[in-house]
């Protein structure tokens, strides 16, 4: 699985477009797996620093427990309604919890806002990226998807 920097090096256009969609809005939707295997959806802020995609979770939050038990996640950008819609990005992969105090401090100091109190810090390792946008002309959707080992596929849906 790739770090954000690895994705930027392998697929710079896709990484740039997806990263921009994650930077446009502050809040996104994180999917994790509950103990019984059913999905849990949670609001989540993300940050980019040192070539990594990070997210912090308040201490003891259920989504943190989900990720500690099973690191698989999906993350979907916030969306807006047309005509202002600029696209959606989805990421899937493994979230790795960072427990080294120095690494946590370094990563959190680069973020705009550090959650008060205890925090679980996760670094994302990517297995899949999907970008959905309007085509030119705006009468169809363009889907670009990347999977590890496969590269980018582009499809149009009319």
Protein backbone atom coordinates (compact mmCIF):
# COMPACT_ATOMS: atom_id res chain seq x y z
CA UNK A 1 0.00 0.00 0.00
CA UNK A 2 1.15 3.51 -0.79
CA UNK A 3 1.74 6.60 1.28
CA UNK A 4 0.28 9.86 -0.04
CA UNK A 5 3.74 10.86 -1.32
CA UNK A 6 4.08 7.53 -3.14
CA UNK A 7 0.72 8.19 -4.82
CA UNK A 8 1.86 11.70 -5.79
CA UNK A 9 4.97 10.22 -7.41
CA UNK A 10 3.14 7.36 -9.14
CA UNK A 11 0.00 9.24 -10.27
CA UNK A 12 0.60 13.00 -9.83
CA UNK A 13 -2.52 14.24 -11.65
CA UNK A 14 -4.88 11.92 -9.77
CA UNK A 15 -3.24 12.67 -6.41
CA UNK A 16 -3.39 16.43 -7.05
CA UNK A 17 -7.09 16.36 -8.01
CA UNK A 18 -8.07 14.08 -5.11
CA UNK A 19 -5.99 16.06 -2.62
CA UNK A 20 -7.62 19.31 -3.72
CA UNK A 21 -11.08 17.85 -3.12
CA UNK A 22 -10.04 16.81 0.41
CA UNK A 23 -8.66 20.32 1.07
CA UNK A 24 -11.77 22.19 -0.17
CA UNK A 25 -13.93 21.07 2.76
CA UNK A 26 -12.92 20.47 6.35
CA UNK A 27 -15.23 17.53 7.13
CA UNK A 28 -15.45 14.22 5.30
CA UNK A 29 -17.03 10.79 5.85
CA UNK A 30 -14.96 7.92 7.26
CA UNK A 31 -16.18 4.32 7.03
CA UNK A 32 -14.79 1.77 9.49
CA UNK A 33 -15.83 -1.75 10.47
CA UNK A 34 -17.58 -2.39 13.77
CA UNK A 35 -16.76 -5.44 15.88
CA UNK A 36 -19.72 -7.31 14.31
CA UNK A 37 -18.52 -6.45 10.78
CA UNK A 38 -21.17 -3.87 9.97
CA UNK A 39 -20.05 -0.45 8.72
CA UNK A 40 -19.73 2.64 10.90
CA UNK A 41 -19.84 6.08 9.24
CA UNK A 42 -18.30 9.03 11.06
CA UNK A 43 -17.46 12.62 10.29
CA UNK A 44 -13.70 13.05 9.99
CA UNK A 45 -11.16 15.81 9.38
CA UNK A 46 -7.94 14.94 7.56
CA UNK A 47 -4.57 16.59 7.07
CA UNK A 48 -1.58 16.31 4.76
CA UNK A 49 1.99 16.68 6.02
CA UNK A 50 5.39 15.11 5.39
CA UNK A 51 4.04 13.24 2.36
CA UNK A 52 1.40 11.51 4.46
CA UNK A 53 -2.38 11.65 4.80
CA UNK A 54 -3.26 11.72 8.51
CA UNK A 55 -6.31 11.84 10.67
CA UNK A 56 -6.68 12.22 14.38
CA UNK A 57 -9.49 10.69 16.41
CA UNK A 58 -10.49 11.74 19.91
CA UNK A 59 -9.30 9.35 22.61
CA UNK A 60 -11.65 6.41 23.16
CA UNK A 61 -13.85 7.17 20.12
CA UNK A 62 -15.55 4.10 18.66
CA UNK A 63 -14.05 4.66 15.22
CA UNK A 64 -10.57 4.60 16.81
CA UNK A 65 -11.39 1.25 18.41
CA UNK A 66 -12.67 0.00 15.05
CA UNK A 67 -9.39 0.96 13.37
CA UNK A 68 -7.26 -0.52 16.14
CA UNK A 69 -9.09 -3.83 15.68
CA UNK A 70 -9.24 -3.73 11.86
CA UNK A 71 -7.41 -0.92 10.05
CA UNK A 72 -9.45 -1.10 6.85
CA UNK A 73 -11.16 2.20 6.04
CA UNK A 74 -12.79 4.21 3.30
CA UNK A 75 -12.83 7.98 3.23
CA UNK A 76 -15.18 10.06 1.08
CA UNK A 77 -14.90 13.80 0.49
CA UNK A 78 -17.70 16.12 1.46
CA UNK A 79 -19.83 17.03 -1.50
CA UNK A 80 -21.83 20.02 -2.65
CA UNK A 81 -24.94 20.22 -4.76
CA UNK A 82 -24.87 21.16 -8.43
CA UNK A 83 -24.14 23.55 -10.03
CA UNK A 84 -21.23 24.09 -7.59
CA UNK A 85 -20.22 20.42 -7.53
CA UNK A 86 -16.56 19.99 -8.49
CA UNK A 87 -16.34 16.24 -7.94
CA UNK A 88 -15.89 13.60 -5.28
CA UNK A 89 -12.88 11.61 -4.18
CA UNK A 90 -12.86 8.29 -2.32
CA UNK A 91 -9.89 6.58 -0.74
CA UNK A 92 -9.60 3.05 0.64
CA UNK A 93 -6.79 1.35 2.46
CA UNK A 94 -5.35 0.67 5.91
CA UNK A 95 -5.07 3.16 8.75
CA UNK A 96 -1.94 2.65 10.84
CA UNK A 97 -2.05 4.04 14.36
CA UNK A 98 1.04 6.04 15.30
CA UNK A 99 1.93 5.66 18.98
CA UNK A 100 5.49 7.05 19.09
CA UNK A 101 5.09 10.33 21.08
CA UNK A 102 7.69 12.21 18.99
CA UNK A 103 6.08 11.21 15.70
CA UNK A 104 2.62 12.10 17.03
CA UNK A 105 3.84 15.52 18.18
CA UNK A 106 5.58 16.20 14.85
CA UNK A 107 2.52 15.20 12.78
CA UNK A 108 0.02 17.02 14.97
CA UNK A 109 2.02 20.27 15.03
CA UNK A 110 1.66 20.45 11.24
CA UNK A 111 -2.14 20.33 11.48
CA UNK A 112 -4.25 23.47 11.69
CA UNK A 113 -6.05 22.33 14.81
CA UNK A 114 -4.94 19.82 17.42
CA UNK A 115 -7.85 18.11 19.20
CA UNK A 116 -7.77 18.75 22.94
CA UNK A 117 -6.87 15.90 25.25
CA UNK A 118 -6.07 12.38 24.22
CA UNK A 119 -5.90 11.66 20.51
CA UNK A 120 -5.35 8.58 18.35
CA UNK A 121 -3.30 9.48 15.28
CA UNK A 122 -3.62 7.39 12.12
CA UNK A 123 -1.49 7.42 8.98
CA UNK A 124 -3.26 6.24 5.81
CA UNK A 125 -1.85 3.59 3.50
CA UNK A 126 -3.72 3.63 0.21
CA UNK A 127 -4.96 0.68 -1.82
CA UNK A 128 -7.55 2.51 -3.93
CA UNK A 129 -8.40 6.05 -5.07
CA UNK A 130 -11.52 6.98 -7.05
CA UNK A 131 -12.18 10.41 -8.50
CA UNK A 132 -15.62 11.29 -9.94
CA UNK A 133 -16.13 14.52 -11.91
CA UNK A 134 -18.26 16.01 -14.65
CA UNK A 135 -16.93 15.59 -18.16
CA UNK A 136 -16.62 18.21 -20.88
CA UNK A 137 -19.32 18.98 -21.85
CA UNK A 138 -21.06 18.46 -18.52
CA UNK A 139 -23.46 15.79 -19.83
CA UNK A 140 -21.62 12.78 -18.38
CA UNK A 141 -19.51 11.63 -15.46
CA UNK A 142 -15.82 10.81 -15.68
CA UNK A 143 -14.54 8.23 -13.21
CA UNK A 144 -10.84 7.73 -12.69
CA UNK A 145 -9.84 4.88 -10.42
CA UNK A 146 -6.45 3.70 -9.25
CA UNK A 147 -5.68 0.44 -7.50
CA UNK A 148 -2.34 -0.72 -6.26
CA UNK A 149 -0.57 -2.70 -8.97
CA UNK A 150 -3.03 -1.71 -11.69
CA UNK A 151 -2.61 2.01 -12.31
CA UNK A 152 -5.35 4.43 -13.36
CA UNK A 153 -8.43 3.43 -15.34
CA UNK A 154 -10.70 6.10 -16.83
CA UNK A 155 -14.37 5.46 -17.57
CA UNK A 156 -17.23 7.66 -18.69
CA UNK A 157 -20.86 7.20 -17.68
CA UNK A 158 -23.62 8.81 -19.70
